[in-house]
Amino acid sequence: MTTQLHAIVGPAAPATRSIIRVQKAKVKNQHLTCEFTEQRADDAPPRAFCLTAQEQVHPDLLHWLAQLVPHLCLLCEQLTETPHYWPDDETGTLPPHFEPFTLTGFSVGSGGRGVTLIGQRQLAGGKVLNLTSPYVSFDDEQPTYAYAGLLETALDAATTEVEAALRGKCTDYRQLDLFEPTADEPGTALISLIPVVAHA
Protein backbone atom coordinates (compact mmCIF):
# COMPACT_ATOMS: atom_id res chain seq x y z
CA MET A 1 0.00 0.00 0.00
CA THR A 2 1.42 3.42 -0.98
CA THR A 3 0.40 6.48 1.00
CA GLN A 4 1.01 10.19 0.80
CA LEU A 5 4.13 11.74 2.25
CA HIS A 6 4.14 12.04 6.04
CA ALA A 7 6.69 12.54 8.78
CA ILE A 8 9.69 10.20 8.61
CA VAL A 9 9.66 7.22 10.97
CA GLY A 10 11.25 7.61 14.40
CA PRO A 11 11.15 9.69 17.56
CA ALA A 12 13.50 12.42 16.35
CA ALA A 13 12.34 12.60 12.75
CA PRO A 14 12.96 15.89 10.90
CA ALA A 15 10.20 17.77 9.12
CA THR A 16 11.01 15.97 5.87
CA ARG A 17 8.27 13.70 4.51
CA SER A 18 8.45 10.04 3.54
CA ILE A 19 6.53 7.23 1.86
CA ILE A 20 6.08 3.96 3.76
CA ARG A 21 5.15 0.60 2.26
CA VAL A 22 4.26 -2.01 4.87
CA GLN A 23 5.29 -5.54 3.90
CA LYS A 24 4.75 -7.56 7.08
CA ALA A 25 3.20 -6.70 10.42
CA LYS A 26 2.79 -8.75 13.58
CA VAL A 27 1.45 -7.91 17.03
CA LYS A 28 2.61 -10.02 19.97
CA ASN A 29 2.04 -9.14 23.64
CA GLN A 30 0.69 -5.75 22.54
CA HIS A 31 3.90 -4.83 20.66
CA LEU A 32 4.21 -4.28 16.92
CA THR A 33 6.93 -5.87 14.79
CA CYS A 34 6.99 -4.64 11.22
CA GLU A 35 8.95 -4.99 7.99
CA PHE A 36 8.60 -2.02 5.67
CA THR A 37 10.34 0.23 3.20
CA GLU A 38 10.60 4.00 3.41
CA GLN A 39 11.33 6.58 0.71
CA ARG A 40 12.23 10.14 1.59
CA ALA A 41 11.29 11.40 -1.87
CA ASP A 42 9.45 10.05 -4.91
CA ASP A 43 12.71 9.60 -6.83
CA ALA A 44 14.77 8.30 -3.88
CA PRO A 45 15.57 4.59 -3.48
CA PRO A 46 13.54 2.86 -0.77
CA ARG A 47 15.28 1.82 2.44
CA ALA A 48 14.26 -1.49 4.06
CA PHE A 49 13.63 -1.72 7.80
CA CYS A 50 12.58 -4.27 10.39
CA LEU A 51 11.63 -2.94 13.80
CA THR A 52 9.86 -3.76 17.03
CA ALA A 53 8.21 -0.94 18.96
CA GLN A 54 8.67 -0.81 22.72
CA GLU A 55 5.38 1.00 23.36
CA GLN A 56 2.12 -0.94 23.35
CA VAL A 57 0.05 -0.59 20.21
CA HIS A 58 -2.89 1.79 20.09
CA PRO A 59 -6.38 0.23 20.46
CA ASP A 60 -7.23 1.44 16.93
CA LEU A 61 -4.69 -0.97 15.47
CA LEU A 62 -6.08 -3.86 17.51
CA HIS A 63 -9.59 -2.95 16.34
CA TRP A 64 -8.65 -3.09 12.66
CA LEU A 65 -6.69 -6.30 13.06
CA ALA A 66 -9.81 -7.79 14.65
CA GLN A 67 -11.81 -6.84 11.54
CA LEU A 68 -9.61 -9.27 9.59
CA VAL A 69 -10.54 -12.21 11.85
CA PRO A 70 -13.74 -13.14 9.94
CA HIS A 71 -11.71 -13.36 6.73
CA LEU A 72 -9.06 -15.51 8.43
CA CYS A 73 -11.77 -17.90 9.64
CA LEU A 74 -13.35 -18.25 6.20
CA LEU A 75 -10.06 -18.59 4.34
CA CYS A 76 -8.80 -21.23 6.79
CA GLU A 77 -12.19 -23.00 6.78
CA GLN A 78 -12.55 -22.62 10.54
CA LEU A 79 -16.12 -21.30 10.50
CA THR A 80 -19.07 -21.37 8.10
CA GLU A 81 -20.77 -18.12 7.13
CA THR A 82 -24.21 -17.61 8.66
CA PRO A 83 -26.69 -14.68 8.55
CA HIS A 84 -25.10 -13.30 11.73
CA TYR A 85 -21.51 -14.11 10.83
CA TRP A 86 -20.07 -10.64 10.17
CA PRO A 87 -19.25 -7.88 12.71
CA ASP A 88 -21.73 -5.14 13.48
CA ASP A 89 -21.63 -2.55 10.66
CA GLU A 90 -21.71 0.45 13.00
CA THR A 91 -19.40 -0.60 15.82
CA GLY A 92 -17.31 -3.32 14.20
CA THR A 93 -17.90 -5.47 17.28
CA LEU A 94 -17.11 -9.12 16.59
CA PRO A 95 -19.86 -11.65 17.39
CA PRO A 96 -19.13 -14.21 20.15
CA HIS A 97 -18.28 -17.00 17.69
CA PHE A 98 -14.99 -15.22 16.95
CA GLU A 99 -13.80 -15.23 20.59
CA PRO A 100 -11.38 -18.17 20.16
CA PHE A 101 -9.68 -16.45 17.20
CA THR A 102 -6.96 -13.78 17.08
CA LEU A 103 -5.39 -12.07 14.05
CA THR A 104 -1.71 -11.77 14.94
CA GLY A 105 -0.40 -10.34 11.68
CA PHE A 106 -0.36 -10.22 7.92
CA SER A 107 2.05 -10.34 4.99
CA VAL A 108 1.42 -8.10 1.99
CA GLY A 109 2.51 -9.29 -1.45
CA SER A 110 2.70 -8.04 -5.03
CA GLY A 111 3.20 -4.40 -4.09
CA GLY A 112 0.16 -4.36 -1.85
CA ARG A 113 -2.09 -6.21 -4.30
CA GLY A 114 -2.59 -9.29 -2.14
CA VAL A 115 -2.28 -10.60 1.40
CA THR A 116 -1.72 -13.63 3.61
CA LEU A 117 -3.36 -13.49 7.05
CA ILE A 118 -1.79 -15.02 10.14
CA GLY A 119 -3.60 -15.83 13.37
CA GLN A 120 -4.44 -18.28 16.10
CA ARG A 121 -7.33 -20.30 17.47
CA GLN A 122 -7.54 -21.06 21.18
CA LEU A 123 -8.52 -24.71 21.49
CA ALA A 124 -10.76 -26.12 24.22
CA GLY A 125 -7.84 -27.95 25.85
CA GLY A 126 -5.88 -24.72 26.27
CA LYS A 127 -3.53 -25.29 23.36
CA VAL A 128 -3.21 -22.87 20.44
CA LEU A 129 -3.71 -23.71 16.77
CA ASN A 130 -1.65 -21.47 14.47
CA LEU A 131 -3.47 -20.42 11.30
CA THR A 132 -2.07 -19.11 8.02
CA SER A 133 -4.50 -18.26 5.26
CA PRO A 134 -3.98 -18.96 1.58
CA TYR A 135 -2.66 -15.93 -0.33
CA VAL A 136 -5.49 -13.74 -1.64
CA SER A 137 -4.83 -11.60 -4.75
CA PHE A 138 -6.82 -8.40 -5.21
CA ASP A 139 -6.07 -8.27 -8.95
CA ASP A 140 -7.81 -11.46 -10.06
CA GLU A 141 -10.67 -10.81 -12.49
CA GLN A 142 -12.47 -13.78 -10.97
CA PRO A 143 -11.28 -13.84 -7.35
CA THR A 144 -11.16 -17.22 -5.65
CA TYR A 145 -12.27 -15.56 -2.40
CA ALA A 146 -15.78 -14.11 -2.58
CA TYR A 147 -15.03 -11.32 -0.11
CA ALA A 148 -11.74 -10.12 -1.58
CA GLY A 149 -13.07 -6.56 -1.86
CA LEU A 150 -14.09 -6.44 1.80
CA LEU A 151 -10.76 -7.98 2.77
CA GLU A 152 -8.85 -5.33 0.81
CA THR A 153 -10.81 -2.52 2.50
CA ALA A 154 -10.17 -3.95 5.97
CA LEU A 155 -6.49 -4.52 5.15
CA ASP A 156 -6.11 -0.91 3.99
CA ALA A 157 -7.49 0.30 7.32
CA ALA A 158 -5.19 -2.03 9.28
CA THR A 159 -2.18 -1.00 7.19
CA THR A 160 -3.00 2.67 7.80
CA GLU A 161 -2.93 1.99 11.54
CA VAL A 162 0.38 0.12 11.22
CA GLU A 163 1.85 3.13 9.43
CA ALA A 164 0.49 5.42 12.14
CA ALA A 165 2.18 3.19 14.73
CA LEU A 166 5.47 3.47 12.85
CA ARG A 167 5.11 7.24 13.01
CA GLY A 168 4.46 7.16 16.75
CA LYS A 169 0.80 6.37 17.41
CA CYS A 170 0.72 4.22 20.55
CA THR A 171 -0.93 4.13 23.97
CA ASP A 172 1.77 6.08 25.82
CA TYR A 173 1.40 9.60 24.52
CA ARG A 174 -1.10 12.35 23.87
CA GLN A 175 -2.42 11.79 20.37
CA LEU A 176 -3.09 15.39 19.32
CA ASP A 177 0.33 16.22 17.88
CA LEU A 178 0.98 12.85 16.26
CA PHE A 179 2.71 14.03 13.09
CA GLU A 180 4.03 17.42 14.14
CA PRO A 181 5.58 17.28 17.64
CA THR A 182 7.49 20.36 18.78
CA ALA A 183 10.66 20.61 20.83
CA ASP A 184 8.87 22.35 23.71
CA GLU A 185 6.37 19.50 24.12
CA PRO A 186 8.28 16.56 25.66
CA GLY A 187 5.01 14.70 26.26
CA THR A 188 4.67 14.08 22.54
CA ALA A 189 7.77 11.93 22.11
CA LEU A 190 6.85 9.47 19.42
CA ILE A 191 8.16 5.91 19.37
CA SER A 192 11.10 4.04 20.81
CA LEU A 193 12.52 1.47 18.44
CA ILE A 194 14.70 -1.52 19.18
CA PRO A 195 17.18 -2.60 16.64
CA VAL A 196 16.37 -1.15 13.25
CA VAL A 197 18.14 -2.62 10.25
CA ALA A 198 18.42 -0.47 7.14
CA HIS A 199 19.70 -1.44 3.72
CA ALA A 200 20.85 1.19 1.28
C-alpha atoms as a PDB file:
ATOM      1  CA  MET A   1       0.000   0.000   0.000  1.00  0.00           C
ATOM      2  CA  THR A   2       1.419   3.419  -0.977  1.00  0.00           C
ATOM      3  CA  THR A   3       0.402   6.483   1.002  1.00  0.00           C
ATOM      4  CA  GLN A   4       1.013  10.187   0.796  1.00  0.00           C
ATOM      5  CA  LEU A   5       4.127  11.743   2.253  1.00  0.00           C
ATOM      6  CA  HIS A   6       4.142  12.035   6.044  1.00  0.00           C
ATOM      7  CA  ALA A   7       6.686  12.537   8.784  1.00  0.00           C
ATOM      8  CA  ILE A   8       9.690  10.196   8.610  1.00  0.00           C
ATOM      9  CA  VAL A   9       9.665   7.221  10.974  1.00  0.00           C
ATOM     10  CA  GLY A  10      11.245   7.609  14.398  1.00  0.00           C
ATOM     11  CA  PRO A  11      11.154   9.690  17.563  1.00  0.00           C
ATOM     12  CA  ALA A  12      13.498  12.422  16.349  1.00  0.00           C
ATOM     13  CA  ALA A  13      12.345  12.604  12.746  1.00  0.00           C
ATOM     14  CA  PRO A  14      12.955  15.886  10.903  1.00  0.00           C
ATOM     15  CA  ALA A  15      10.198  17.771   9.123  1.00  0.00           C
ATOM     16  CA  THR A  16      11.013  15.970   5.868  1.00  0.00           C
ATOM     17  CA  ARG A  17       8.274  13.700   4.511  1.00  0.00           C
ATOM     18  CA  SER A  18       8.446  10.043   3.542  1.00  0.00           C
ATOM     19  CA  ILE A  19       6.527   7.233   1.862  1.00  0.00           C
ATOM     20  CA  ILE A  20       6.075   3.962   3.758  1.00  0.00           C
ATOM     21  CA  ARG A  21       5.149   0.595   2.257  1.00  0.00           C
ATOM     22  CA  VAL A  22       4.259  -2.009   4.872  1.00  0.00           C
ATOM     23  CA  GLN A  23       5.293  -5.541   3.902  1.00  0.00           C
ATOM     24  CA  LYS A  24       4.750  -7.565   7.079  1.00  0.00           C
ATOM     25  CA  ALA A  25       3.203  -6.704  10.417  1.00  0.00           C
ATOM     26  CA  LYS A  26       2.795  -8.753  13.584  1.00  0.00           C
ATOM     27  CA  VAL A  27       1.452  -7.911  17.032  1.00  0.00           C
ATOM     28  CA  LYS A  28       2.614 -10.020  19.973  1.00  0.00           C
ATOM     29  CA  ASN A  29       2.044  -9.136  23.636  1.00  0.00           C
ATOM     30  CA  GLN A  30       0.685  -5.746  22.539  1.00  0.00           C
ATOM     31  CA  HIS A  31       3.895  -4.826  20.662  1.00  0.00           C
ATOM     32  CA  LEU A  32       4.209  -4.278  16.920  1.00  0.00           C
ATOM     33  CA  THR A  33       6.927  -5.865  14.795  1.00  0.00           C
ATOM     34  CA  CYS A  34       6.995  -4.638  11.217  1.00  0.00           C
ATOM     35  CA  GLU A  35       8.955  -4.990   7.994  1.00  0.00           C
ATOM     36  CA  PHE A  36       8.595  -2.019   5.674  1.00  0.00           C
ATOM     37  CA  THR A  37      10.338   0.231   3.197  1.00  0.00           C
ATOM     38  CA  GLU A  38      10.603   4.002   3.414  1.00  0.00           C
ATOM     39  CA  GLN A  39      11.325   6.583   0.707  1.00  0.00           C
ATOM     40  CA  ARG A  40      12.234  10.144   1.594  1.00  0.00           C
ATOM     41  CA  ALA A  41      11.290  11.401  -1.870  1.00  0.00           C
ATOM     42  CA  ASP A  42       9.452  10.052  -4.907  1.00  0.00           C
ATOM     43  CA  ASP A  43      12.715   9.596  -6.830  1.00  0.00           C
ATOM     44  CA  ALA A  44      14.771   8.295  -3.881  1.00  0.00           C
ATOM     45  CA  PRO A  45      15.566   4.593  -3.483  1.00  0.00           C
ATOM     46  CA  PRO A  46      13.536   2.864  -0.765  1.00  0.00           C
ATOM     47  CA  ARG A  47      15.285   1.817   2.436  1.00  0.00           C
ATOM     48  CA  ALA A  48      14.265  -1.487   4.057  1.00  0.00           C
ATOM     49  CA  PHE A  49      13.631  -1.720   7.804  1.00  0.00           C
ATOM     50  CA  CYS A  50      12.580  -4.274  10.389  1.00  0.00           C
ATOM     51  CA  LEU A  51      11.631  -2.941  13.804  1.00  0.00           C
ATOM     52  CA  THR A  52       9.856  -3.760  17.034  1.00  0.00           C
ATOM     53  CA  ALA A  53       8.208  -0.936  18.961  1.00  0.00           C
ATOM     54  CA  GLN A  54       8.674  -0.808  22.722  1.00  0.00           C
ATOM     55  CA  GLU A  55       5.379   0.999  23.359  1.00  0.00           C
ATOM     56  CA  GLN A  56       2.122  -0.936  23.354  1.00  0.00           C
ATOM     57  CA  VAL A  57       0.050  -0.594  20.215  1.00  0.00           C
ATOM     58  CA  HIS A  58      -2.885   1.785  20.089  1.00  0.00           C
ATOM     59  CA  PRO A  59      -6.375   0.227  20.455  1.00  0.00           C
ATOM     60  CA  ASP A  60      -7.226   1.443  16.933  1.00  0.00           C
ATOM     61  CA  LEU A  61      -4.688  -0.971  15.474  1.00  0.00           C
ATOM     62  CA  LEU A  62      -6.081  -3.862  17.509  1.00  0.00           C
ATOM     63  CA  HIS A  63      -9.592  -2.952  16.337  1.00  0.00           C
ATOM     64  CA  TRP A  64      -8.653  -3.093  12.660  1.00  0.00           C
ATOM     65  CA  LEU A  65      -6.691  -6.299  13.057  1.00  0.00           C
ATOM     66  CA  ALA A  66      -9.812  -7.790  14.646  1.00  0.00           C
ATOM     67  CA  GLN A  67     -11.807  -6.839  11.541  1.00  0.00           C
ATOM     68  CA  LEU A  68      -9.615  -9.272   9.589  1.00  0.00           C
ATOM     69  CA  VAL A  69     -10.539 -12.208  11.854  1.00  0.00           C
ATOM     70  CA  PRO A  70     -13.745 -13.141   9.938  1.00  0.00           C
ATOM     71  CA  HIS A  71     -11.709 -13.355   6.727  1.00  0.00           C
ATOM     72  CA  LEU A  72      -9.063 -15.513   8.430  1.00  0.00           C
ATOM     73  CA  CYS A  73     -11.766 -17.902   9.644  1.00  0.00           C
ATOM     74  CA  LEU A  74     -13.348 -18.253   6.198  1.00  0.00           C
ATOM     75  CA  LEU A  75     -10.058 -18.589   4.339  1.00  0.00           C
ATOM     76  CA  CYS A  76      -8.802 -21.234   6.793  1.00  0.00           C
ATOM     77  CA  GLU A  77     -12.194 -22.995   6.778  1.00  0.00           C
ATOM     78  CA  GLN A  78     -12.553 -22.621  10.538  1.00  0.00           C
ATOM     79  CA  LEU A  79     -16.122 -21.301  10.499  1.00  0.00           C
ATOM     80  CA  THR A  80     -19.067 -21.369   8.099  1.00  0.00           C
ATOM     81  CA  GLU A  81     -20.766 -18.118   7.128  1.00  0.00           C
ATOM     82  CA  THR A  82     -24.211 -17.613   8.664  1.00  0.00           C
ATOM     83  CA  PRO A  83     -26.694 -14.685   8.549  1.00  0.00           C
ATOM     84  CA  HIS A  84     -25.099 -13.299  11.731  1.00  0.00           C
ATOM     85  CA  TYR A  85     -21.512 -14.114  10.831  1.00  0.00           C
ATOM     86  CA  TRP A  86     -20.070 -10.641  10.174  1.00  0.00           C
ATOM     87  CA  PRO A  87     -19.247  -7.883  12.705  1.00  0.00           C
ATOM     88  CA  ASP A  88     -21.733  -5.139  13.481  1.00  0.00           C
ATOM     89  CA  ASP A  89     -21.632  -2.550  10.663  1.00  0.00           C
ATOM     90  CA  GLU A  90     -21.712   0.452  12.998  1.00  0.00           C
ATOM     91  CA  THR A  91     -19.396  -0.597  15.817  1.00  0.00           C
ATOM     92  CA  GLY A  92     -17.306  -3.322  14.200  1.00  0.00           C
ATOM     93  CA  THR A  93     -17.896  -5.471  17.282  1.00  0.00           C
ATOM     94  CA  LEU A  94     -17.107  -9.115  16.594  1.00  0.00           C
ATOM     95  CA  PRO A  95     -19.863 -11.647  17.386  1.00  0.00           C
ATOM     96  CA  PRO A  96     -19.131 -14.214  20.150  1.00  0.00           C
ATOM     97  CA  HIS A  97     -18.275 -16.999  17.692  1.00  0.00           C
ATOM     98  CA  PHE A  98     -14.991 -15.218  16.947  1.00  0.00           C
ATOM     99  CA  GLU A  99     -13.801 -15.227  20.586  1.00  0.00           C
ATOM    100  CA  PRO A 100     -11.376 -18.174  20.159  1.00  0.00           C
ATOM    101  CA  PHE A 101      -9.676 -16.446  17.196  1.00  0.00           C
ATOM    102  CA  THR A 102      -6.963 -13.779  17.078  1.00  0.00           C
ATOM    103  CA  LEU A 103      -5.391 -12.070  14.050  1.00  0.00           C
ATOM    104  CA  THR A 104      -1.707 -11.768  14.936  1.00  0.00           C
ATOM    105  CA  GLY A 105      -0.400 -10.344  11.680  1.00  0.00           C
ATOM    106  CA  PHE A 106      -0.358 -10.224   7.917  1.00  0.00           C
ATOM    107  CA  SER A 107       2.051 -10.340   4.994  1.00  0.00           C
ATOM    108  CA  VAL A 108       1.424  -8.101   1.989  1.00  0.00           C
ATOM    109  CA  GLY A 109       2.510  -9.293  -1.452  1.00  0.00           C
ATOM    110  CA  SER A 110       2.699  -8.038  -5.032  1.00  0.00           C
ATOM    111  CA  GLY A 111       3.202  -4.405  -4.086  1.00  0.00           C
ATOM    112  CA  GLY A 112       0.157  -4.363  -1.853  1.00  0.00           C
ATOM    113  CA  ARG A 113      -2.093  -6.213  -4.300  1.00  0.00           C
ATOM    114  CA  GLY A 114      -2.586  -9.292  -2.142  1.00  0.00           C
ATOM    115  CA  VAL A 115      -2.285 -10.597   1.399  1.00  0.00           C
ATOM    116  CA  THR A 116      -1.724 -13.626   3.613  1.00  0.00           C
ATOM    117  CA  LEU A 117      -3.362 -13.492   7.047  1.00  0.00           C
ATOM    118  CA  ILE A 118      -1.795 -15.025  10.144  1.00  0.00           C
ATOM    119  CA  GLY A 119      -3.605 -15.827  13.367  1.00  0.00           C
ATOM    120  CA  GLN A 120      -4.443 -18.276  16.105  1.00  0.00           C
ATOM    121  CA  ARG A 121      -7.330 -20.301  17.466  1.00  0.00           C
ATOM    122  CA  GLN A 122      -7.541 -21.056  21.178  1.00  0.00           C
ATOM    123  CA  LEU A 123      -8.523 -24.707  21.492  1.00  0.00           C
ATOM    124  CA  ALA A 124     -10.756 -26.117  24.216  1.00  0.00           C
ATOM    125  CA  GLY A 125      -7.843 -27.955  25.849  1.00  0.00           C
ATOM    126  CA  GLY A 126      -5.882 -24.724  26.273  1.00  0.00           C
ATOM    127  CA  LYS A 127      -3.534 -25.293  23.358  1.00  0.00           C
ATOM    128  CA  VAL A 128      -3.210 -22.866  20.443  1.00  0.00           C
ATOM    129  CA  LEU A 129      -3.711 -23.707  16.772  1.00  0.00           C
ATOM    130  CA  ASN A 130      -1.654 -21.469  14.472  1.00  0.00           C
ATOM    131  CA  LEU A 131      -3.468 -20.420  11.300  1.00  0.00           C
ATOM    132  CA  THR A 132      -2.068 -19.110   8.019  1.00  0.00           C
ATOM    133  CA  SER A 133      -4.505 -18.257   5.260  1.00  0.00           C
ATOM    134  CA  PRO A 134      -3.980 -18.955   1.578  1.00  0.00           C
ATOM    135  CA  TYR A 135      -2.663 -15.930  -0.325  1.00  0.00           C
ATOM    136  CA  VAL A 136      -5.490 -13.741  -1.645  1.00  0.00           C
ATOM    137  CA  SER A 137      -4.834 -11.596  -4.748  1.00  0.00           C
ATOM    138  CA  PHE A 138      -6.817  -8.400  -5.208  1.00  0.00           C
ATOM    139  CA  ASP A 139      -6.070  -8.265  -8.951  1.00  0.00           C
ATOM    140  CA  ASP A 140      -7.813 -11.461 -10.057  1.00  0.00           C
ATOM    141  CA  GLU A 141     -10.672 -10.812 -12.492  1.00  0.00           C
ATOM    142  CA  GLN A 142     -12.470 -13.776 -10.971  1.00  0.00           C
ATOM    143  CA  PRO A 143     -11.277 -13.838  -7.345  1.00  0.00           C
ATOM    144  CA  THR A 144     -11.155 -17.218  -5.648  1.00  0.00           C
ATOM    145  CA  TYR A 145     -12.266 -15.561  -2.402  1.00  0.00           C
ATOM    146  CA  ALA A 146     -15.779 -14.111  -2.583  1.00  0.00           C
ATOM    147  CA  TYR A 147     -15.032 -11.315  -0.107  1.00  0.00           C
ATOM    148  CA  ALA A 148     -11.736 -10.119  -1.581  1.00  0.00           C
ATOM    149  CA  GLY A 149     -13.072  -6.562  -1.857  1.00  0.00           C
ATOM    150  CA  LEU A 150     -14.088  -6.440   1.804  1.00  0.00           C
ATOM    151  CA  LEU A 151     -10.763  -7.979   2.770  1.00  0.00           C
ATOM    152  CA  GLU A 152      -8.849  -5.334   0.806  1.00  0.00           C
ATOM    153  CA  THR A 153     -10.810  -2.523   2.501  1.00  0.00           C
ATOM    154  CA  ALA A 154     -10.172  -3.955   5.973  1.00  0.00           C
ATOM    155  CA  LEU A 155      -6.492  -4.522   5.146  1.00  0.00           C
ATOM    156  CA  ASP A 156      -6.109  -0.913   3.987  1.00  0.00           C
ATOM    157  CA  ALA A 157      -7.489   0.296   7.323  1.00  0.00           C
ATOM    158  CA  ALA A 158      -5.188  -2.032   9.284  1.00  0.00           C
ATOM    159  CA  THR A 159      -2.184  -0.996   7.190  1.00  0.00           C
ATOM    160  CA  THR A 160      -2.996   2.670   7.799  1.00  0.00           C
ATOM    161  CA  GLU A 161      -2.926   1.989  11.541  1.00  0.00           C
ATOM    162  CA  VAL A 162       0.378   0.123  11.223  1.00  0.00           C
ATOM    163  CA  GLU A 163       1.852   3.126   9.430  1.00  0.00           C
ATOM    164  CA  ALA A 164       0.488   5.424  12.144  1.00  0.00           C
ATOM    165  CA  ALA A 165       2.175   3.192  14.733  1.00  0.00           C
ATOM    166  CA  LEU A 166       5.472   3.470  12.852  1.00  0.00           C
ATOM    167  CA  ARG A 167       5.106   7.239  13.015  1.00  0.00           C
ATOM    168  CA  GLY A 168       4.465   7.164  16.749  1.00  0.00           C
ATOM    169  CA  LYS A 169       0.805   6.369  17.413  1.00  0.00           C
ATOM    170  CA  CYS A 170       0.724   4.224  20.549  1.00  0.00           C
ATOM    171  CA  THR A 171      -0.934   4.125  23.971  1.00  0.00           C
ATOM    172  CA  ASP A 172       1.770   6.077  25.816  1.00  0.00           C
ATOM    173  CA  TYR A 173       1.397   9.604  24.518  1.00  0.00           C
ATOM    174  CA  ARG A 174      -1.096  12.347  23.875  1.00  0.00           C
ATOM    175  CA  GLN A 175      -2.424  11.785  20.374  1.00  0.00           C
ATOM    176  CA  LEU A 176      -3.095  15.392  19.325  1.00  0.00           C
ATOM    177  CA  ASP A 177       0.331  16.218  17.884  1.00  0.00           C
ATOM    178  CA  LEU A 178       0.977  12.851  16.255  1.00  0.00           C
ATOM    179  CA  PHE A 179       2.712  14.027  13.087  1.00  0.00           C
ATOM    180  CA  GLU A 180       4.030  17.421  14.139  1.00  0.00           C
ATOM    181  CA  PRO A 181       5.583  17.284  17.645  1.00  0.00           C
ATOM    182  CA  THR A 182       7.494  20.360  18.776  1.00  0.00           C
ATOM    183  CA  ALA A 183      10.661  20.609  20.825  1.00  0.00           C
ATOM    184  CA  ASP A 184       8.872  22.348  23.714  1.00  0.00           C
ATOM    185  CA  GLU A 185       6.372  19.495  24.124  1.00  0.00           C
ATOM    186  CA  PRO A 186       8.278  16.555  25.659  1.00  0.00           C
ATOM    187  CA  GLY A 187       5.009  14.701  26.257  1.00  0.00           C
ATOM    188  CA  THR A 188       4.674  14.076  22.540  1.00  0.00           C
ATOM    189  CA  ALA A 189       7.774  11.925  22.107  1.00  0.00           C
ATOM    190  CA  LEU A 190       6.849   9.467  19.418  1.00  0.00           C
ATOM    191  CA  ILE A 191       8.157   5.913  19.369  1.00  0.00           C
ATOM    192  CA  SER A 192      11.103   4.038  20.805  1.00  0.00           C
ATOM    193  CA  LEU A 193      12.516   1.466  18.436  1.00  0.00           C
ATOM    194  CA  ILE A 194      14.701  -1.517  19.179  1.00  0.00           C
ATOM    195  CA  PRO A 195      17.176  -2.598  16.642  1.00  0.00           C
ATOM    196  CA  VAL A 196      16.366  -1.148  13.252  1.00  0.00           C
ATOM    197  CA  VAL A 197      18.138  -2.617  10.247  1.00  0.00           C
ATOM    198  CA  ALA A 198      18.420  -0.468   7.142  1.00  0.00           C
ATOM    199  CA  HIS A 199      19.703  -1.440   3.718  1.00  0.00           C
ATOM    200  CA  ALA A 200      20.852   1.195   1.278  1.00  0.00           C
END
